[in-house]
Amino acid sequence: MTVNVDHQNSVVDGLRDIGYAAGRIDSVLNAPITTTPEWGEFLTSWERLVLDPFMADGGDYRIRRYSEFDCTADSVQLLPHRAYRQSKQINRLNGGMERLFEPFEGGVANGPVVRALLSWCARQLDAVEGRPGTWYAQCFQNRILARSAKDGQPTPEGIHRDGVDYVFTVVVDRHGVVGGESSLYAMQVDGGPGERLVSVTLEPPGDFLFNDDDITLHGVSPVTASVEDGEGYRDTFIAVLTRRP
C-alpha cells in the first residue's frame, strides 16, 4: 500500500489527527529537491558510511553515520558530536550503552539538503503543536545491506518506539532489494503494539514517513537481495525529534 500526502497541511493534519503522515518530499517542499545537484552530493555520501560496530546480534548489514542538531523553522545548528544513548527498555537489542558512531561529513551536516529537511520538519511540528520552538534532532544516515545469503534488517530491535517525540524517515536510494515495508502500530496501554495503522514501502527517493513516537510504534520488514548472488541496499535519512524545554 502506498500512501500519498501531497500538501503540507495534510502532513500537519495527519500528525495531529492520526499520528502519522506519508508522502513525497518534493511535493511538500513544492520543489524538486531530489533531482538537484545538491541531492546528488547528499546521495553520494552514503558510499562513505561506516560499519555499525555496536550490533548485539553480530550483524554486519548496517552502515551509518550519526550527528545531532538543534533546528527551528528558520535555522539549523550542528551540535558537538557525542555518543548516541538509548535505554535498554526502549531498545532491547542495542540499548543500555553509549554508541559513538562516526559523525556526518561536514559537507553533509552543513549542506543544504539536511538543512532543508530539518527546517521543514520543525515547521510541521510547530504547526502540529500550535507554537514555535526548537527541536533537538538526532539524525542518522543508514544503509541496510541485503546479500544473497542474508537479508538486511532495517529495524533489528523489532517493532518499537525510539523514546522521542517524532520520527521522520526519508528514503534516499534503493538498489537491488525487495521488501522493506514500513508499518506503524497504535501503542497499547502496556506499551506494546496494537492495531496496525498503515504499511507503506518507501521506494522512490524522497518518499517519507513521519510519525508521532508518543502514540505509535514502528517497524520495517527485512530487505532481500533481488538478484541471486547479488547485493543490494536501502538508504535512508532518519531524524528523531524532541522539543527542547
Protein backbone atom coordinates (compact mmCIF):
# COMPACT_ATOMS: atom_id res chain seq x y z
CA MET A 1 0.00 0.00 0.00
CA THR A 2 1.35 3.44 -0.92
CA VAL A 3 0.13 6.48 0.98
CA ASN A 4 0.46 9.84 -0.72
CA VAL A 5 0.32 13.20 1.05
CA ASP A 6 0.72 15.97 -1.50
CA HIS A 7 0.08 19.09 0.55
CA GLN A 8 1.83 20.50 3.59
CA ASN A 9 -1.44 20.95 5.50
CA SER A 10 -2.13 17.23 5.07
CA VAL A 11 1.14 16.41 6.84
CA VAL A 12 0.20 18.59 9.80
CA ASP A 13 -3.35 17.23 9.89
CA GLY A 14 -2.12 13.65 9.66
CA LEU A 15 0.35 14.03 12.51
CA ARG A 16 -2.20 15.84 14.65
CA ASP A 17 -5.25 13.68 13.92
CA ILE A 18 -3.98 10.13 13.35
CA GLY A 19 -0.35 10.23 14.45
CA TYR A 20 1.39 9.91 11.09
CA ALA A 21 1.76 11.22 7.55
CA ALA A 22 3.47 9.86 4.46
CA GLY A 23 4.27 11.32 1.07
CA ARG A 24 6.94 12.74 -1.25
CA ILE A 25 9.37 15.36 -0.03
CA ASP A 26 9.42 17.10 -3.43
CA SER A 27 5.66 17.59 -3.20
CA VAL A 28 5.55 19.02 0.30
CA LEU A 29 8.52 21.31 -0.33
CA ASN A 30 7.00 22.40 -3.65
CA ALA A 31 10.48 21.98 -5.13
CA PRO A 32 12.19 19.08 -6.94
CA ILE A 33 14.92 18.66 -4.31
CA THR A 34 15.63 15.02 -5.24
CA THR A 35 16.69 15.99 -8.77
CA THR A 36 19.12 18.74 -7.76
CA PRO A 37 22.93 18.56 -7.80
CA GLU A 38 22.83 19.10 -4.03
CA TRP A 39 20.77 15.95 -3.59
CA GLY A 40 23.26 14.11 -5.81
CA GLU A 41 26.09 15.10 -3.45
CA PHE A 42 23.95 14.09 -0.46
CA LEU A 43 23.29 10.70 -2.09
CA THR A 44 26.97 10.12 -2.86
CA SER A 45 27.89 10.46 0.82
CA TRP A 46 26.14 7.13 1.52
CA GLU A 47 29.10 5.48 -0.22
CA ARG A 48 31.29 6.66 2.68
CA LEU A 49 29.31 5.37 5.66
CA VAL A 50 30.96 3.23 8.34
CA LEU A 51 30.06 -0.23 9.65
CA ASP A 52 27.94 -0.09 12.81
CA PRO A 53 30.18 -1.81 15.41
CA PHE A 54 27.51 -1.97 18.14
CA MET A 55 25.12 -4.60 16.78
CA ALA A 56 24.37 -7.02 19.61
CA ASP A 57 23.11 -9.58 17.09
CA GLY A 58 26.55 -9.61 15.44
CA GLY A 59 25.07 -8.26 12.21
CA ASP A 60 27.26 -6.65 9.57
CA TYR A 61 24.35 -5.42 7.45
CA ARG A 62 24.12 -1.84 8.76
CA ILE A 63 26.49 1.00 7.94
CA ARG A 64 25.78 4.52 9.17
CA ARG A 65 26.80 7.93 10.44
CA TYR A 66 25.19 9.97 13.22
CA SER A 67 25.01 13.67 14.12
CA GLU A 68 22.83 15.92 16.27
CA PHE A 69 21.26 19.28 15.52
CA ASP A 70 19.06 21.95 17.04
CA CYS A 71 16.56 23.09 14.44
CA THR A 72 13.82 25.68 14.14
CA ALA A 73 11.65 26.72 11.24
CA ASP A 74 14.38 29.17 10.19
CA SER A 75 17.70 27.74 11.33
CA VAL A 76 19.65 24.52 11.80
CA GLN A 77 22.65 24.29 14.15
CA LEU A 78 25.05 21.34 14.20
CA LEU A 79 25.78 20.30 17.79
CA PRO A 80 29.08 18.95 19.20
CA HIS A 81 29.49 15.28 18.39
CA ARG A 82 28.72 12.77 21.12
CA ALA A 83 27.60 9.19 21.64
CA TYR A 84 24.02 8.09 20.96
CA ARG A 85 22.20 6.78 24.01
CA GLN A 86 19.03 4.72 24.42
CA SER A 87 17.82 2.82 27.45
CA LYS A 88 17.53 -0.96 27.37
CA GLN A 89 13.80 -0.50 27.90
CA ILE A 90 13.50 1.47 24.67
CA ASN A 91 15.96 -0.60 22.61
CA ARG A 92 16.13 -4.15 23.89
CA LEU A 93 18.80 -5.12 21.35
CA ASN A 94 21.34 -2.30 21.45
CA GLY A 95 20.19 -0.07 24.30
CA GLY A 96 21.91 0.46 27.61
CA MET A 97 25.28 1.51 26.19
CA GLU A 98 26.93 4.54 24.64
CA ARG A 99 27.31 4.15 20.90
CA LEU A 100 29.85 6.55 19.46
CA PHE A 101 29.22 6.47 15.72
CA GLU A 102 31.21 8.36 13.11
CA PRO A 103 29.67 11.81 12.52
CA PHE A 104 28.20 13.18 9.31
CA GLU A 105 30.80 14.58 6.96
CA GLY A 106 31.00 18.36 7.19
CA GLY A 107 29.60 18.90 3.72
CA VAL A 108 26.55 16.82 4.61
CA ALA A 109 25.95 18.22 8.11
CA ASN A 110 26.27 21.80 6.88
CA GLY A 111 24.78 21.17 3.45
CA PRO A 112 21.52 22.44 2.01
CA VAL A 113 19.66 19.11 1.96
CA VAL A 114 19.96 18.33 5.67
CA ARG A 115 19.10 21.92 6.49
CA ALA A 116 16.07 21.93 4.21
CA LEU A 117 14.77 18.66 5.63
CA LEU A 118 15.23 19.62 9.28
CA SER A 119 13.79 23.12 8.88
CA TRP A 120 10.77 21.63 7.11
CA CYS A 121 10.31 19.11 9.95
CA ALA A 122 10.45 21.94 12.51
CA ARG A 123 7.81 23.92 10.61
CA GLN A 124 5.45 20.95 10.53
CA LEU A 125 5.89 20.20 14.22
CA ASP A 126 5.44 23.83 15.23
CA ALA A 127 2.13 23.77 13.34
CA VAL A 128 1.10 20.44 14.89
CA GLU A 129 1.72 21.74 18.41
CA GLY A 130 0.47 25.26 17.73
CA ARG A 131 3.60 27.08 18.90
CA PRO A 132 7.11 27.72 17.62
CA GLY A 133 10.09 26.10 19.27
CA THR A 134 13.47 24.47 18.97
CA TRP A 135 13.65 20.80 18.08
CA TYR A 136 16.53 18.53 19.10
CA ALA A 137 17.19 16.29 16.10
CA GLN A 138 19.22 13.09 16.42
CA CYS A 139 19.98 12.13 12.84
CA PHE A 140 21.21 9.02 11.07
CA GLN A 141 22.44 8.20 7.61
CA ASN A 142 21.64 4.48 7.33
CA ARG A 143 22.41 1.90 4.69
CA ILE A 144 20.95 -1.58 5.17
CA LEU A 145 22.73 -4.21 3.08
CA ALA A 146 20.98 -7.27 1.66
CA ARG A 147 23.08 -10.16 0.40
CA SER A 148 22.03 -13.31 -1.41
CA ALA A 149 22.59 -15.42 1.71
CA LYS A 150 21.47 -12.89 4.30
CA ASP A 151 18.60 -10.41 4.50
CA GLY A 152 19.16 -6.93 5.89
CA GLN A 153 17.24 -5.80 8.98
CA PRO A 154 16.19 -2.13 8.95
CA THR A 155 14.77 -2.46 12.49
CA PRO A 156 16.70 -5.30 14.15
CA GLU A 157 15.15 -4.44 17.52
CA GLY A 158 11.70 -5.32 16.14
CA ILE A 159 8.55 -3.23 16.49
CA HIS A 160 9.50 -0.37 18.77
CA ARG A 161 9.44 3.32 19.61
CA ASP A 162 12.54 5.49 19.87
CA GLY A 163 11.74 7.32 23.09
CA VAL A 164 11.39 10.73 21.41
CA ASP A 165 8.51 12.94 20.26
CA TYR A 166 8.51 12.33 16.48
CA VAL A 167 10.33 10.22 13.90
CA PHE A 168 10.97 11.32 10.31
CA THR A 169 12.28 8.80 7.76
CA VAL A 170 13.00 9.60 4.12
CA VAL A 171 14.36 7.12 1.58
CA VAL A 172 17.44 8.38 -0.22
CA ASP A 173 18.02 5.39 -2.52
CA ARG A 174 17.14 1.73 -3.02
CA HIS A 175 19.06 -0.66 -5.23
CA GLY A 176 18.73 -4.38 -5.85
CA VAL A 177 16.32 -5.12 -3.00
CA VAL A 178 12.73 -6.08 -2.36
CA GLY A 179 10.88 -5.72 0.91
CA GLY A 180 11.50 -3.03 3.47
CA GLU A 181 7.83 -2.33 4.21
CA SER A 182 7.38 0.25 6.99
CA SER A 183 4.47 -0.32 9.37
CA LEU A 184 3.03 1.79 12.17
CA TYR A 185 1.01 0.42 15.07
CA ALA A 186 -1.15 2.05 17.70
CA MET A 187 0.53 1.90 21.09
CA GLN A 188 -1.36 -0.08 23.72
CA VAL A 189 -1.59 0.91 27.38
CA ASP A 190 1.17 -1.59 28.23
CA GLY A 191 3.44 -0.05 25.60
CA GLY A 192 3.11 -2.93 23.14
CA PRO A 193 1.84 -2.82 19.56
CA GLY A 194 -1.88 -2.76 18.93
CA GLU A 195 -3.78 -2.19 15.69
CA ARG A 196 -1.66 -1.78 12.58
CA LEU A 197 -2.38 1.72 11.30
CA VAL A 198 -0.58 1.70 7.97
CA SER A 199 2.04 -0.13 5.93
CA VAL A 200 3.99 1.64 3.20
CA THR A 201 7.05 0.72 1.16
CA LEU A 202 9.22 3.79 0.71
CA GLU A 203 10.75 3.34 -2.73
CA PRO A 204 11.47 6.36 -4.95
CA PRO A 205 13.98 8.81 -3.49
CA GLY A 206 12.11 11.35 -1.39
CA ASP A 207 9.34 9.06 -0.13
CA PHE A 208 8.89 9.75 3.58
CA LEU A 209 7.07 8.60 6.70
CA PHE A 210 6.58 10.97 9.66
CA ASN A 211 5.11 9.62 12.90
CA ASP A 212 4.28 10.62 16.46
CA ASP A 213 6.56 8.48 18.62
CA ASP A 214 4.46 9.04 21.75
CA ILE A 215 1.42 7.19 20.39
CA THR A 216 2.75 4.85 17.68
CA LEU A 217 5.25 2.03 17.34
CA HIS A 218 7.10 1.34 14.12
CA GLY A 219 8.93 -1.48 12.39
CA VAL A 220 10.33 -2.27 8.95
CA SER A 221 10.33 -5.70 7.32
CA PRO A 222 13.63 -7.23 6.11
CA VAL A 223 15.12 -6.31 2.75
CA THR A 224 16.12 -9.16 0.44
CA ALA A 225 18.55 -9.03 -2.47
CA SER A 226 16.54 -9.14 -5.68
CA VAL A 227 19.27 -10.81 -7.73
CA GLU A 228 20.70 -14.24 -6.95
CA ASP A 229 24.32 -13.98 -5.77
CA GLY A 230 23.88 -10.21 -5.72
CA GLU A 231 23.91 -7.48 -3.12
CA GLY A 232 21.51 -4.59 -2.67
CA TYR A 233 20.83 -1.82 -0.20
CA ARG A 234 18.21 0.51 1.26
CA ASP A 235 19.44 4.03 2.12
CA THR A 236 17.54 6.30 4.49
CA PHE A 237 17.93 9.58 6.34
CA ILE A 238 16.28 9.40 9.75
CA ALA A 239 15.69 12.24 12.21
CA VAL A 240 14.24 11.56 15.65
CA LEU A 241 12.98 14.84 17.07
CA THR A 242 12.25 16.07 20.59
CA ARG A 243 11.03 19.53 21.55
CA ARG A 244 13.52 21.47 23.67
CA PRO A 245 12.07 22.64 27.01
